[in-house]
PDB file of all heavy atoms in Angstrom:
ATOM      1  N   THR A   1      59.557  22.868 -36.639  1.00  0.00           N
ATOM      2  CA  THR A   1      58.123  22.595 -37.042  1.00  0.00           C
ATOM      3  C   THR A   1      57.197  23.063 -35.981  1.00  0.00           C
ATOM      4  O   THR A   1      56.173  23.692 -36.242  1.00  0.00           O
ATOM      5  CB  THR A   1      57.983  21.082 -37.328  1.00  0.00           C
ATOM      6  OG1 THR A   1      58.737  20.727 -38.469  1.00  0.00           O
ATOM      7  CG2 THR A   1      56.532  20.744 -37.560  1.00  0.00           C
ATOM      8  N   TYR A   2      57.486  22.744 -34.699  1.00  0.00           N
ATOM      9  CA  TYR A   2      56.599  23.141 -33.627  1.00  0.00           C
ATOM     10  C   TYR A   2      56.590  24.661 -33.453  1.00  0.00           C
ATOM     11  O   TYR A   2      55.522  25.266 -33.256  1.00  0.00           O
ATOM     12  CB  TYR A   2      57.003  22.453 -32.325  1.00  0.00           C
ATOM     13  CG  TYR A   2      56.505  21.092 -32.152  1.00  0.00           C
ATOM     14  CD1 TYR A   2      57.350  20.003 -31.866  1.00  0.00           C
ATOM     15  CD2 TYR A   2      55.142  20.741 -32.376  1.00  0.00           C
ATOM     16  CE1 TYR A   2      56.897  18.718 -31.724  1.00  0.00           C
ATOM     17  CE2 TYR A   2      54.688  19.421 -32.273  1.00  0.00           C
ATOM     18  CZ  TYR A   2      55.555  18.413 -31.911  1.00  0.00           C
ATOM     19  OH  TYR A   2      55.111  17.157 -31.832  1.00  0.00           O
ATOM     20  N   ASP A   3      57.745  25.281 -33.616  1.00  0.00           N
ATOM     21  CA  ASP A   3      57.832  26.761 -33.473  1.00  0.00           C
ATOM     22  C   ASP A   3      56.966  27.399 -34.584  1.00  0.00           C
ATOM     23  O   ASP A   3      56.159  28.362 -34.297  1.00  0.00           O
ATOM     24  CB  ASP A   3      59.250  27.230 -33.562  1.00  0.00           C
ATOM     25  CG  ASP A   3      60.073  26.925 -32.319  1.00  0.00           C
ATOM     26  OD1 ASP A   3      59.422  26.621 -31.303  1.00  0.00           O
ATOM     27  OD2 ASP A   3      61.297  26.969 -32.406  1.00  0.00           O
ATOM     28  N   ASN A   4      57.113  26.947 -35.813  1.00  0.00           N
ATOM     29  CA  ASN A   4      56.378  27.568 -36.905  1.00  0.00           C
ATOM     30  C   ASN A   4      54.901  27.254 -36.854  1.00  0.00           C
ATOM     31  O   ASN A   4      54.069  28.096 -37.249  1.00  0.00           O
ATOM     32  CB  ASN A   4      56.992  27.145 -38.244  1.00  0.00           C
ATOM     33  CG  ASN A   4      58.266  27.836 -38.565  1.00  0.00           C
ATOM     34  OD1 ASN A   4      58.363  29.066 -38.430  1.00  0.00           O
ATOM     35  ND2 ASN A   4      59.295  27.092 -38.944  1.00  0.00           N
ATOM     36  N   ALA A   5      54.545  26.080 -36.334  1.00  0.00           N
ATOM     37  CA  ALA A   5      53.139  25.763 -36.142  1.00  0.00           C
ATOM     38  C   ALA A   5      52.490  26.674 -35.144  1.00  0.00           C
ATOM     39  O   ALA A   5      51.396  27.159 -35.351  1.00  0.00           O
ATOM     40  CB  ALA A   5      52.965  24.286 -35.711  1.00  0.00           C
ATOM     41  N   ALA A   6      53.192  26.931 -34.053  1.00  0.00           N
ATOM     42  CA  ALA A   6      52.657  27.895 -33.048  1.00  0.00           C
ATOM     43  C   ALA A   6      52.528  29.306 -33.665  1.00  0.00           C
ATOM     44  O   ALA A   6      51.522  30.009 -33.387  1.00  0.00           O
ATOM     45  CB  ALA A   6      53.567  27.925 -31.837  1.00  0.00           C
ATOM     46  N   ARG A   7      53.502  29.712 -34.464  1.00  0.00           N
ATOM     47  CA  ARG A   7      53.483  30.994 -35.099  1.00  0.00           C
ATOM     48  C   ARG A   7      52.245  31.187 -35.981  1.00  0.00           C
ATOM     49  O   ARG A   7      51.729  32.281 -36.194  1.00  0.00           O
ATOM     50  CB  ARG A   7      54.765  31.195 -35.893  1.00  0.00           C
ATOM     51  CG  ARG A   7      54.959  32.575 -36.469  1.00  0.00           C
ATOM     52  CD  ARG A   7      56.373  32.671 -37.065  1.00  0.00           C
ATOM     53  NE  ARG A   7      57.384  32.777 -35.997  1.00  0.00           N
ATOM     54  CZ  ARG A   7      58.263  31.850 -35.671  1.00  0.00           C
ATOM     55  NH1 ARG A   7      58.260  30.700 -36.330  1.00  0.00           N
ATOM     56  NH2 ARG A   7      59.127  32.018 -34.711  1.00  0.00           N
ATOM     57  N   ASN A   8      51.811  30.045 -36.543  1.00  0.00           N
ATOM     58  CA  ASN A   8      50.662  30.072 -37.486  1.00  0.00           C
ATOM     59  C   ASN A   8      49.346  29.649 -36.837  1.00  0.00           C
ATOM     60  O   ASN A   8      48.369  29.506 -37.508  1.00  0.00           O
ATOM     61  CB  ASN A   8      50.989  29.163 -38.676  1.00  0.00           C
ATOM     62  CG  ASN A   8      51.954  29.778 -39.642  1.00  0.00           C
ATOM     63  OD1 ASN A   8      51.603  30.561 -40.530  1.00  0.00           O
ATOM     64  ND2 ASN A   8      53.266  29.497 -39.448  1.00  0.00           N
ATOM     65  N   GLY A   9      49.307  29.435 -35.554  1.00  0.00           N
ATOM     66  CA  GLY A   9      48.109  29.109 -34.862  1.00  0.00           C
ATOM     67  C   GLY A   9      47.541  27.736 -35.171  1.00  0.00           C
ATOM     68  O   GLY A   9      46.340  27.477 -35.007  1.00  0.00           O
ATOM     69  N   VAL A  10      48.436  26.752 -35.549  1.00  0.00           N
ATOM     70  CA  VAL A  10      47.995  25.461 -35.843  1.00  0.00           C
ATOM     71  C   VAL A  10      48.707  24.407 -34.991  1.00  0.00           C
ATOM     72  O   VAL A  10      48.785  23.203 -35.355  1.00  0.00           O
ATOM     73  CB  VAL A  10      48.184  25.112 -37.362  1.00  0.00           C
ATOM     74  CG1 VAL A  10      47.304  26.024 -38.190  1.00  0.00           C
ATOM     75  CG2 VAL A  10      49.658  25.278 -37.757  1.00  0.00           C
ATOM     76  N   ALA A  11      49.260  24.801 -33.887  1.00  0.00           N
ATOM     77  CA  ALA A  11      50.051  23.950 -33.033  1.00  0.00           C
ATOM     78  C   ALA A  11      49.244  22.733 -32.560  1.00  0.00           C
ATOM     79  O   ALA A  11      49.847  21.598 -32.311  1.00  0.00           O
ATOM     80  CB  ALA A  11      50.665  24.664 -31.862  1.00  0.00           C
ATOM     81  N   ASP A  12      47.962  22.916 -32.364  1.00  0.00           N
ATOM     82  CA  ASP A  12      47.113  21.814 -31.883  1.00  0.00           C
ATOM     83  C   ASP A  12      46.766  20.773 -32.965  1.00  0.00           C
ATOM     84  O   ASP A  12      46.100  19.803 -32.699  1.00  0.00           O
ATOM     85  CB  ASP A  12      45.840  22.344 -31.197  1.00  0.00           C
ATOM     86  CG  ASP A  12      44.999  23.171 -32.177  1.00  0.00           C
ATOM     87  OD1 ASP A  12      45.535  23.649 -33.194  1.00  0.00           O
ATOM     88  OD2 ASP A  12      43.799  23.318 -31.916  1.00  0.00           O
ATOM     89  N   GLN A  13      47.156  21.026 -34.197  1.00  0.00           N
ATOM     90  CA  GLN A  13      46.818  20.174 -35.337  1.00  0.00           C
ATOM     91  C   GLN A  13      48.019  19.439 -35.916  1.00  0.00           C
ATOM     92  O   GLN A  13      47.863  18.686 -36.886  1.00  0.00           O
ATOM     93  CB  GLN A  13      46.160  20.993 -36.447  1.00  0.00           C
ATOM     94  CG  GLN A  13      44.847  21.609 -36.080  1.00  0.00           C
ATOM     95  CD  GLN A  13      44.328  22.552 -37.193  1.00  0.00           C
ATOM     96  OE1 GLN A  13      44.592  23.746 -37.132  1.00  0.00           O
ATOM     97  NE2 GLN A  13      43.687  22.010 -38.161  1.00  0.00           N
ATOM     98  N   ILE A  14      49.158  19.685 -35.319  1.00  0.00           N
ATOM     99  CA  ILE A  14      50.371  19.083 -35.911  1.00  0.00           C
ATOM    100  C   ILE A  14      51.177  18.323 -34.852  1.00  0.00           C
ATOM    101  O   ILE A  14      51.253  18.703 -33.669  1.00  0.00           O
ATOM    102  CB  ILE A  14      51.243  20.184 -36.564  1.00  0.00           C
ATOM    103  CG1 ILE A  14      52.278  19.575 -37.501  1.00  0.00           C
ATOM    104  CG2 ILE A  14      51.912  21.063 -35.554  1.00  0.00           C
ATOM    105  CD1 ILE A  14      52.890  20.594 -38.462  1.00  0.00           C
ATOM    106  N   GLU A  15      51.744  17.194 -35.294  1.00  0.00           N
ATOM    107  CA  GLU A  15      52.650  16.390 -34.429  1.00  0.00           C
ATOM    108  C   GLU A  15      53.916  16.118 -35.242  1.00  0.00           C
ATOM    109  O   GLU A  15      53.807  15.892 -36.434  1.00  0.00           O
ATOM    110  CB  GLU A  15      51.969  15.056 -34.086  1.00  0.00           C
ATOM    111  CG  GLU A  15      50.609  15.146 -33.414  1.00  0.00           C
ATOM    112  CD  GLU A  15      49.791  13.881 -33.518  1.00  0.00           C
ATOM    113  OE1 GLU A  15      50.394  12.796 -33.375  1.00  0.00           O
ATOM    114  OE2 GLU A  15      48.639  13.976 -33.793  1.00  0.00           O
ATOM    115  N   ALA A  16      55.035  16.139 -34.609  1.00  0.00           N
ATOM    116  CA  ALA A  16      56.272  15.942 -35.281  1.00  0.00           C
ATOM    117  C   ALA A  16      57.097  14.910 -34.520  1.00  0.00           C
ATOM    118  O   ALA A  16      57.190  14.937 -33.312  1.00  0.00           O
ATOM    119  CB  ALA A  16      57.069  17.234 -35.471  1.00  0.00           C
ATOM    120  N   TYR A  17      57.702  13.957 -35.270  1.00  0.00           N
ATOM    121  CA  TYR A  17      58.410  12.852 -34.667  1.00  0.00           C
ATOM    122  C   TYR A  17      59.712  12.565 -35.332  1.00  0.00           C
ATOM    123  O   TYR A  17      59.858  12.720 -36.574  1.00  0.00           O
ATOM    124  CB  TYR A  17      57.549  11.551 -34.749  1.00  0.00           C
ATOM    125  CG  TYR A  17      56.193  11.649 -34.087  1.00  0.00           C
ATOM    126  CD1 TYR A  17      55.066  11.931 -34.830  1.00  0.00           C
ATOM    127  CD2 TYR A  17      56.042  11.383 -32.724  1.00  0.00           C
ATOM    128  CE1 TYR A  17      53.793  12.014 -34.258  1.00  0.00           C
ATOM    129  CE2 TYR A  17      54.772  11.429 -32.127  1.00  0.00           C
ATOM    130  CZ  TYR A  17      53.652  11.753 -32.906  1.00  0.00           C
ATOM    131  OH  TYR A  17      52.436  11.811 -32.312  1.00  0.00           O
ATOM    132  N   LEU A  18      60.689  12.082 -34.534  1.00  0.00           N
ATOM    133  CA  LEU A  18      61.823  11.389 -35.123  1.00  0.00           C
ATOM    134  C   LEU A  18      61.369   9.987 -35.582  1.00  0.00           C
ATOM    135  O   LEU A  18      60.372   9.458 -35.039  1.00  0.00           O
ATOM    136  CB  LEU A  18      62.920  11.234 -34.045  1.00  0.00           C
ATOM    137  CG  LEU A  18      63.551  12.570 -33.574  1.00  0.00           C
ATOM    138  CD1 LEU A  18      64.425  12.299 -32.366  1.00  0.00           C
ATOM    139  CD2 LEU A  18      64.276  13.254 -34.671  1.00  0.00           C
ATOM    140  N   PRO A  19      62.047   9.389 -36.548  1.00  0.00           N
ATOM    141  CA  PRO A  19      61.552   8.091 -37.086  1.00  0.00           C
ATOM    142  C   PRO A  19      61.383   7.031 -36.025  1.00  0.00           C
ATOM    143  O   PRO A  19      60.386   6.254 -36.134  1.00  0.00           O
ATOM    144  CB  PRO A  19      62.624   7.703 -38.091  1.00  0.00           C
ATOM    145  CG  PRO A  19      63.214   9.027 -38.515  1.00  0.00           C
ATOM    146  CD  PRO A  19      63.173   9.904 -37.333  1.00  0.00           C
ATOM    147  N   GLU A  20      62.221   7.007 -35.051  1.00  0.00           N
ATOM    148  CA  GLU A  20      62.062   5.919 -34.035  1.00  0.00           C
ATOM    149  C   GLU A  20      60.862   6.152 -33.108  1.00  0.00           C
ATOM    150  O   GLU A  20      60.465   5.221 -32.394  1.00  0.00           O
ATOM    151  CB  GLU A  20      63.330   5.837 -33.168  1.00  0.00           C
ATOM    152  CG  GLU A  20      63.707   7.124 -32.450  1.00  0.00           C
ATOM    153  CD  GLU A  20      64.697   7.967 -33.197  1.00  0.00           C
ATOM    154  OE1 GLU A  20      64.674   7.908 -34.455  1.00  0.00           O
ATOM    155  OE2 GLU A  20      65.453   8.732 -32.547  1.00  0.00           O
ATOM    156  N   ASP A  21      60.260   7.337 -33.159  1.00  0.00           N
ATOM    157  CA  ASP A  21      59.150   7.659 -32.295  1.00  0.00           C
ATOM    158  C   ASP A  21      57.833   7.714 -33.029  1.00  0.00           C
ATOM    159  O   ASP A  21      56.738   7.840 -32.414  1.00  0.00           O
ATOM    160  CB  ASP A  21      59.355   8.984 -31.577  1.00  0.00           C
ATOM    161  CG  ASP A  21      60.627   9.026 -30.773  1.00  0.00           C
ATOM    162  OD1 ASP A  21      60.907   7.957 -30.145  1.00  0.00           O
ATOM    163  OD2 ASP A  21      61.285  10.076 -30.641  1.00  0.00           O
ATOM    164  N   GLN A  22      57.827   7.609 -34.328  1.00  0.00           N
ATOM    165  CA  GLN A  22      56.623   7.861 -35.116  1.00  0.00           C
ATOM    166  C   GLN A  22      55.576   6.797 -34.831  1.00  0.00           C
ATOM    167  O   GLN A  22      55.837   5.617 -34.640  1.00  0.00           O
ATOM    168  CB  GLN A  22      56.943   7.888 -36.596  1.00  0.00           C
ATOM    169  CG  GLN A  22      57.422   6.535 -37.153  1.00  0.00           C
ATOM    170  CD  GLN A  22      58.027   6.631 -38.510  1.00  0.00           C
ATOM    171  OE1 GLN A  22      58.747   7.595 -38.848  1.00  0.00           O
ATOM    172  NE2 GLN A  22      57.826   5.615 -39.350  1.00  0.00           N
ATOM    173  N   PRO A  23      54.289   7.208 -34.751  1.00  0.00           N
ATOM    174  CA  PRO A  23      53.222   6.248 -34.522  1.00  0.00           C
ATOM    175  C   PRO A  23      52.820   5.508 -35.809  1.00  0.00           C
ATOM    176  O   PRO A  23      53.238   5.867 -36.895  1.00  0.00           O
ATOM    177  CB  PRO A  23      52.065   7.133 -34.079  1.00  0.00           C
ATOM    178  CG  PRO A  23      52.316   8.462 -34.764  1.00  0.00           C
ATOM    179  CD  PRO A  23      53.832   8.601 -34.843  1.00  0.00           C
ATOM    180  N   GLU A  24      52.065   4.467 -35.653  1.00  0.00           N
ATOM    181  CA  GLU A  24      51.561   3.739 -36.806  1.00  0.00           C
ATOM    182  C   GLU A  24      50.173   4.330 -37.184  1.00  0.00           C
ATOM    183  O   GLU A  24      49.317   4.425 -36.356  1.00  0.00           O
ATOM    184  CB  GLU A  24      51.418   2.251 -36.549  1.00  0.00           C
ATOM    185  CG  GLU A  24      52.778   1.523 -36.360  1.00  0.00           C
ATOM    186  CD  GLU A  24      52.650   0.015 -36.211  1.00  0.00           C
ATOM    187  OE1 GLU A  24      51.510  -0.457 -36.426  1.00  0.00           O
ATOM    188  OE2 GLU A  24      53.595  -0.651 -35.910  1.00  0.00           O
TER     189      GLU A  24
END
């Protein structure tokens, strides 16, 4: 997800988490 976000120029708009790390 992070690699493809950078490829599309949207890396600063996306966050990706494992379930145990996800924010509320």
